[in-house]
């Protein structure tokens, strides 16, 4: 990669890193995993930078890579360390406790990985049914049904958690 291309790549990534990280977090609900998914995404984008630049919509291309990377990581999750029942004592300051984020994460745990990806892409990031289907490599009908089921599950979970 030439210096000019490398500079363009770095600018592209820097401008989108926060959004990618927040999106990955909403999909996996874990900041460490989100960082891993973003790192994998950045590496894939670097390897295929010419394809990214040539794409009609480089942002959508990058989002598709991020979404697929997370779904690919889901298949590897069973081979990783598993969480323990007892967590180590951790002191949190009041400023670090963000209740809205916690409530959203709790609601999103009621969704399966594919439904969560669809809901995040459609309703958090605002992608169309067609764009979401292309990113996840599924049919538009699958996106519609996963959206409907996901929203219904979230409504049920919201009333359950709200009580």
C-alpha atoms as a PDB file:
ATOM      1  CA  UNK A   1       0.000   0.000   0.000  1.00  0.00           C
ATOM      2  CA  UNK A   2       1.368   3.396  -0.941  1.00  0.00           C
ATOM      3  CA  UNK A   3       1.815   6.166   1.648  1.00  0.00           C
ATOM      4  CA  UNK A   4      -1.132   8.164   0.279  1.00  0.00           C
ATOM      5  CA  UNK A   5      -3.395   5.100   0.424  1.00  0.00           C
ATOM      6  CA  UNK A   6      -2.209   4.319   3.928  1.00  0.00           C
ATOM      7  CA  UNK A   7      -2.985   7.874   5.023  1.00  0.00           C
ATOM      8  CA  UNK A   8      -6.481   7.600   3.516  1.00  0.00           C
ATOM      9  CA  UNK A   9      -6.989   4.293   5.309  1.00  0.00           C
ATOM     10  CA  UNK A  10      -5.944   5.744   8.673  1.00  0.00           C
ATOM     11  CA  UNK A  11      -8.230   8.763   8.201  1.00  0.00           C
ATOM     12  CA  UNK A  12     -11.149   6.498   7.217  1.00  0.00           C
ATOM     13  CA  UNK A  13     -10.696   4.303  10.291  1.00  0.00           C
ATOM     14  CA  UNK A  14     -10.109   7.175  12.721  1.00  0.00           C
ATOM     15  CA  UNK A  15     -13.299   8.927  11.611  1.00  0.00           C
ATOM     16  CA  UNK A  16     -15.403   5.799  12.202  1.00  0.00           C
ATOM     17  CA  UNK A  17     -13.729   4.022  15.117  1.00  0.00           C
ATOM     18  CA  UNK A  18     -16.065   5.275  17.863  1.00  0.00           C
ATOM     19  CA  UNK A  19     -19.169   4.357  15.881  1.00  0.00           C
ATOM     20  CA  UNK A  20     -17.812   0.898  15.057  1.00  0.00           C
ATOM     21  CA  UNK A  21     -16.934   0.287  18.688  1.00  0.00           C
ATOM     22  CA  UNK A  22     -20.375   1.354  19.937  1.00  0.00           C
ATOM     23  CA  UNK A  23     -22.062  -0.751  17.252  1.00  0.00           C
ATOM     24  CA  UNK A  24     -19.948  -3.799  18.080  1.00  0.00           C
ATOM     25  CA  UNK A  25     -20.750  -3.332  21.773  1.00  0.00           C
ATOM     26  CA  UNK A  26     -24.482  -3.279  21.070  1.00  0.00           C
ATOM     27  CA  UNK A  27     -24.136  -6.519  19.152  1.00  0.00           C
ATOM     28  CA  UNK A  28     -21.988  -8.432  21.640  1.00  0.00           C
ATOM     29  CA  UNK A  29     -22.687  -6.525  24.893  1.00  0.00           C
ATOM     30  CA  UNK A  30     -19.082  -6.787  26.007  1.00  0.00           C
ATOM     31  CA  UNK A  31     -16.489  -4.051  25.514  1.00  0.00           C
ATOM     32  CA  UNK A  32     -13.566  -6.476  25.254  1.00  0.00           C
ATOM     33  CA  UNK A  33     -15.279  -8.557  22.594  1.00  0.00           C
ATOM     34  CA  UNK A  34     -16.371  -5.365  20.841  1.00  0.00           C
ATOM     35  CA  UNK A  35     -12.745  -4.219  20.708  1.00  0.00           C
ATOM     36  CA  UNK A  36     -11.721  -7.615  19.332  1.00  0.00           C
ATOM     37  CA  UNK A  37     -14.403  -7.455  16.629  1.00  0.00           C
ATOM     38  CA  UNK A  38     -13.375  -3.924  15.659  1.00  0.00           C
ATOM     39  CA  UNK A  39      -9.715  -4.991  15.501  1.00  0.00           C
ATOM     40  CA  UNK A  40     -10.602  -7.897  13.234  1.00  0.00           C
ATOM     41  CA  UNK A  41     -12.674  -5.550  11.086  1.00  0.00           C
ATOM     42  CA  UNK A  42      -9.856  -3.010  10.763  1.00  0.00           C
ATOM     43  CA  UNK A  43      -7.425  -5.766   9.744  1.00  0.00           C
ATOM     44  CA  UNK A  44      -9.837  -7.047   7.098  1.00  0.00           C
ATOM     45  CA  UNK A  45     -10.426  -3.532   5.786  1.00  0.00           C
ATOM     46  CA  UNK A  46      -6.684  -2.932   5.599  1.00  0.00           C
ATOM     47  CA  UNK A  47      -6.134  -6.141   3.619  1.00  0.00           C
ATOM     48  CA  UNK A  48      -8.937  -5.193   1.231  1.00  0.00           C
ATOM     49  CA  UNK A  49      -8.505  -1.426   1.194  1.00  0.00           C
ATOM     50  CA  UNK A  50      -8.703  -1.153  -2.586  1.00  0.00           C
ATOM     51  CA  UNK A  51     -12.074  -2.952  -2.540  1.00  0.00           C
ATOM     52  CA  UNK A  52     -13.294  -0.636   0.225  1.00  0.00           C
ATOM     53  CA  UNK A  53     -12.351   2.461  -1.757  1.00  0.00           C
ATOM     54  CA  UNK A  54     -13.891   1.040  -4.943  1.00  0.00           C
ATOM     55  CA  UNK A  55     -17.186   0.192  -3.218  1.00  0.00           C
ATOM     56  CA  UNK A  56     -20.242   2.309  -3.985  1.00  0.00           C
ATOM     57  CA  UNK A  57     -20.645   2.949  -0.266  1.00  0.00           C
ATOM     58  CA  UNK A  58     -17.426   2.384   1.721  1.00  0.00           C
ATOM     59  CA  UNK A  59     -19.249   2.914   5.035  1.00  0.00           C
ATOM     60  CA  UNK A  60     -21.767   0.194   4.235  1.00  0.00           C
ATOM     61  CA  UNK A  61     -18.926  -2.076   3.103  1.00  0.00           C
ATOM     62  CA  UNK A  62     -17.140  -1.510   6.407  1.00  0.00           C
ATOM     63  CA  UNK A  63     -20.335  -2.060   8.390  1.00  0.00           C
ATOM     64  CA  UNK A  64     -20.933  -5.332   6.547  1.00  0.00           C
ATOM     65  CA  UNK A  65     -17.406  -6.470   7.437  1.00  0.00           C
ATOM     66  CA  UNK A  66     -17.967  -5.526  11.089  1.00  0.00           C
ATOM     67  CA  UNK A  67     -21.343  -7.295  11.263  1.00  0.00           C
ATOM     68  CA  UNK A  68     -20.057 -10.442   9.599  1.00  0.00           C
ATOM     69  CA  UNK A  69     -16.948 -10.431  11.804  1.00  0.00           C
ATOM     70  CA  UNK A  70     -19.127 -10.400  14.897  1.00  0.00           C
ATOM     71  CA  UNK A  71     -21.349 -13.194  13.603  1.00  0.00           C
ATOM     72  CA  UNK A  72     -18.219 -15.207  12.733  1.00  0.00           C
ATOM     73  CA  UNK A  73     -16.926 -14.658  16.266  1.00  0.00           C
ATOM     74  CA  UNK A  74     -20.182 -16.071  17.653  1.00  0.00           C
ATOM     75  CA  UNK A  75     -19.225 -19.432  16.188  1.00  0.00           C
ATOM     76  CA  UNK A  76     -15.905 -19.273  17.993  1.00  0.00           C
ATOM     77  CA  UNK A  77     -17.426 -18.270  21.344  1.00  0.00           C
ATOM     78  CA  UNK A  78     -17.901 -21.839  22.495  1.00  0.00           C
ATOM     79  CA  UNK A  79     -14.166 -22.455  22.164  1.00  0.00           C
ATOM     80  CA  UNK A  80     -13.233 -19.481  24.359  1.00  0.00           C
ATOM     81  CA  UNK A  81     -13.041 -19.003  28.067  1.00  0.00           C
ATOM     82  CA  UNK A  82     -16.445 -19.146  29.661  1.00  0.00           C
ATOM     83  CA  UNK A  83     -17.609 -16.617  32.255  1.00  0.00           C
ATOM     84  CA  UNK A  84     -17.569 -17.705  35.881  1.00  0.00           C
ATOM     85  CA  UNK A  85     -20.482 -17.461  38.296  1.00  0.00           C
ATOM     86  CA  UNK A  86     -18.465 -15.349  40.719  1.00  0.00           C
ATOM     87  CA  UNK A  87     -16.989 -12.128  39.433  1.00  0.00           C
ATOM     88  CA  UNK A  88     -13.959 -10.499  41.029  1.00  0.00           C
ATOM     89  CA  UNK A  89     -14.650  -7.476  43.225  1.00  0.00           C
ATOM     90  CA  UNK A  90     -14.465  -4.336  41.136  1.00  0.00           C
ATOM     91  CA  UNK A  91     -14.986  -0.846  42.419  1.00  0.00           C
ATOM     92  CA  UNK A  92     -17.018   1.364  40.110  1.00  0.00           C
ATOM     93  CA  UNK A  93     -17.272   5.085  40.489  1.00  0.00           C
ATOM     94  CA  UNK A  94     -20.711   6.636  40.241  1.00  0.00           C
ATOM     95  CA  UNK A  95     -19.775   8.383  36.977  1.00  0.00           C
ATOM     96  CA  UNK A  96     -19.049   5.009  35.340  1.00  0.00           C
ATOM     97  CA  UNK A  97     -22.510   3.638  36.084  1.00  0.00           C
ATOM     98  CA  UNK A  98     -24.624   4.607  33.116  1.00  0.00           C
ATOM     99  CA  UNK A  99     -28.095   3.282  33.717  1.00  0.00           C
ATOM    100  CA  UNK A 100     -29.478   3.871  30.222  1.00  0.00           C
ATOM    101  CA  UNK A 101     -26.647   1.863  28.659  1.00  0.00           C
ATOM    102  CA  UNK A 102     -27.132  -0.863  31.250  1.00  0.00           C
ATOM    103  CA  UNK A 103     -30.881  -1.027  30.567  1.00  0.00           C
ATOM    104  CA  UNK A 104     -30.284  -1.226  26.816  1.00  0.00           C
ATOM    105  CA  UNK A 105     -27.697  -3.966  27.256  1.00  0.00           C
ATOM    106  CA  UNK A 106     -30.060  -5.904  29.524  1.00  0.00           C
ATOM    107  CA  UNK A 107     -32.836  -5.676  26.923  1.00  0.00           C
ATOM    108  CA  UNK A 108     -30.515  -6.697  24.082  1.00  0.00           C
ATOM    109  CA  UNK A 109     -29.514  -9.853  25.970  1.00  0.00           C
ATOM    110  CA  UNK A 110     -33.047 -11.117  25.402  1.00  0.00           C
ATOM    111  CA  UNK A 111     -32.257 -11.366  21.667  1.00  0.00           C
ATOM    112  CA  UNK A 112     -30.280 -14.032  19.873  1.00  0.00           C
ATOM    113  CA  UNK A 113     -27.151 -12.983  17.953  1.00  0.00           C
ATOM    114  CA  UNK A 114     -28.806 -12.662  14.530  1.00  0.00           C
ATOM    115  CA  UNK A 115     -31.843 -10.797  15.885  1.00  0.00           C
ATOM    116  CA  UNK A 116     -29.559  -8.495  17.850  1.00  0.00           C
ATOM    117  CA  UNK A 117     -27.495  -7.769  14.732  1.00  0.00           C
ATOM    118  CA  UNK A 118     -30.643  -7.002  12.726  1.00  0.00           C
ATOM    119  CA  UNK A 119     -32.118  -4.755  15.431  1.00  0.00           C
ATOM    120  CA  UNK A 120     -28.858  -2.834  15.909  1.00  0.00           C
ATOM    121  CA  UNK A 121     -28.322  -2.358  12.165  1.00  0.00           C
ATOM    122  CA  UNK A 122     -31.943  -1.422  11.419  1.00  0.00           C
ATOM    123  CA  UNK A 123     -32.969   0.657  14.412  1.00  0.00           C
ATOM    124  CA  UNK A 124     -29.771   1.919  16.017  1.00  0.00           C
ATOM    125  CA  UNK A 125     -27.772   2.594  12.858  1.00  0.00           C
ATOM    126  CA  UNK A 126     -30.772   3.215  10.580  1.00  0.00           C
ATOM    127  CA  UNK A 127     -29.907   0.890   7.699  1.00  0.00           C
ATOM    128  CA  UNK A 128     -32.682  -0.140   5.338  1.00  0.00           C
ATOM    129  CA  UNK A 129     -34.024  -3.677   5.091  1.00  0.00           C
ATOM    130  CA  UNK A 130     -32.090  -4.154   1.851  1.00  0.00           C
ATOM    131  CA  UNK A 131     -28.815  -2.783   3.261  1.00  0.00           C
ATOM    132  CA  UNK A 132     -29.137  -4.925   6.385  1.00  0.00           C
ATOM    133  CA  UNK A 133     -29.831  -8.025   4.292  1.00  0.00           C
ATOM    134  CA  UNK A 134     -26.755  -7.340   2.164  1.00  0.00           C
ATOM    135  CA  UNK A 135     -24.541  -6.779   5.208  1.00  0.00           C
ATOM    136  CA  UNK A 136     -25.647  -9.969   6.923  1.00  0.00           C
ATOM    137  CA  UNK A 137     -25.899 -11.951   3.674  1.00  0.00           C
ATOM    138  CA  UNK A 138     -29.494 -12.992   4.341  1.00  0.00           C
ATOM    139  CA  UNK A 139     -32.749 -12.381   2.478  1.00  0.00           C
ATOM    140  CA  UNK A 140     -34.826  -9.258   2.999  1.00  0.00           C
ATOM    141  CA  UNK A 141     -37.596 -11.505   4.301  1.00  0.00           C
ATOM    142  CA  UNK A 142     -35.243 -12.785   6.990  1.00  0.00           C
ATOM    143  CA  UNK A 143     -34.418  -9.212   8.003  1.00  0.00           C
ATOM    144  CA  UNK A 144     -38.118  -8.350   8.199  1.00  0.00           C
ATOM    145  CA  UNK A 145     -39.028 -11.426  10.227  1.00  0.00           C
ATOM    146  CA  UNK A 146     -36.009 -11.052  12.543  1.00  0.00           C
ATOM    147  CA  UNK A 147     -36.892  -7.360  13.023  1.00  0.00           C
ATOM    148  CA  UNK A 148     -40.497  -8.149  13.887  1.00  0.00           C
ATOM    149  CA  UNK A 149     -39.578 -10.988  16.250  1.00  0.00           C
ATOM    150  CA  UNK A 150     -36.751  -8.983  17.790  1.00  0.00           C
ATOM    151  CA  UNK A 151     -38.954  -5.954  18.447  1.00  0.00           C
ATOM    152  CA  UNK A 152     -41.659  -8.159  19.963  1.00  0.00           C
ATOM    153  CA  UNK A 153     -39.074  -9.816  22.203  1.00  0.00           C
ATOM    154  CA  UNK A 154     -37.765  -6.383  23.237  1.00  0.00           C
ATOM    155  CA  UNK A 155     -41.314  -5.173  24.032  1.00  0.00           C
ATOM    156  CA  UNK A 156     -41.913  -8.229  26.190  1.00  0.00           C
ATOM    157  CA  UNK A 157     -38.530  -7.887  27.877  1.00  0.00           C
ATOM    158  CA  UNK A 158     -39.079  -4.162  28.487  1.00  0.00           C
ATOM    159  CA  UNK A 159     -42.372  -4.789  30.276  1.00  0.00           C
ATOM    160  CA  UNK A 160     -40.819  -7.653  32.250  1.00  0.00           C
ATOM    161  CA  UNK A 161     -37.743  -5.649  33.292  1.00  0.00           C
ATOM    162  CA  UNK A 162     -39.818  -2.549  33.883  1.00  0.00           C
ATOM    163  CA  UNK A 163     -41.922  -4.291  36.548  1.00  0.00           C
END
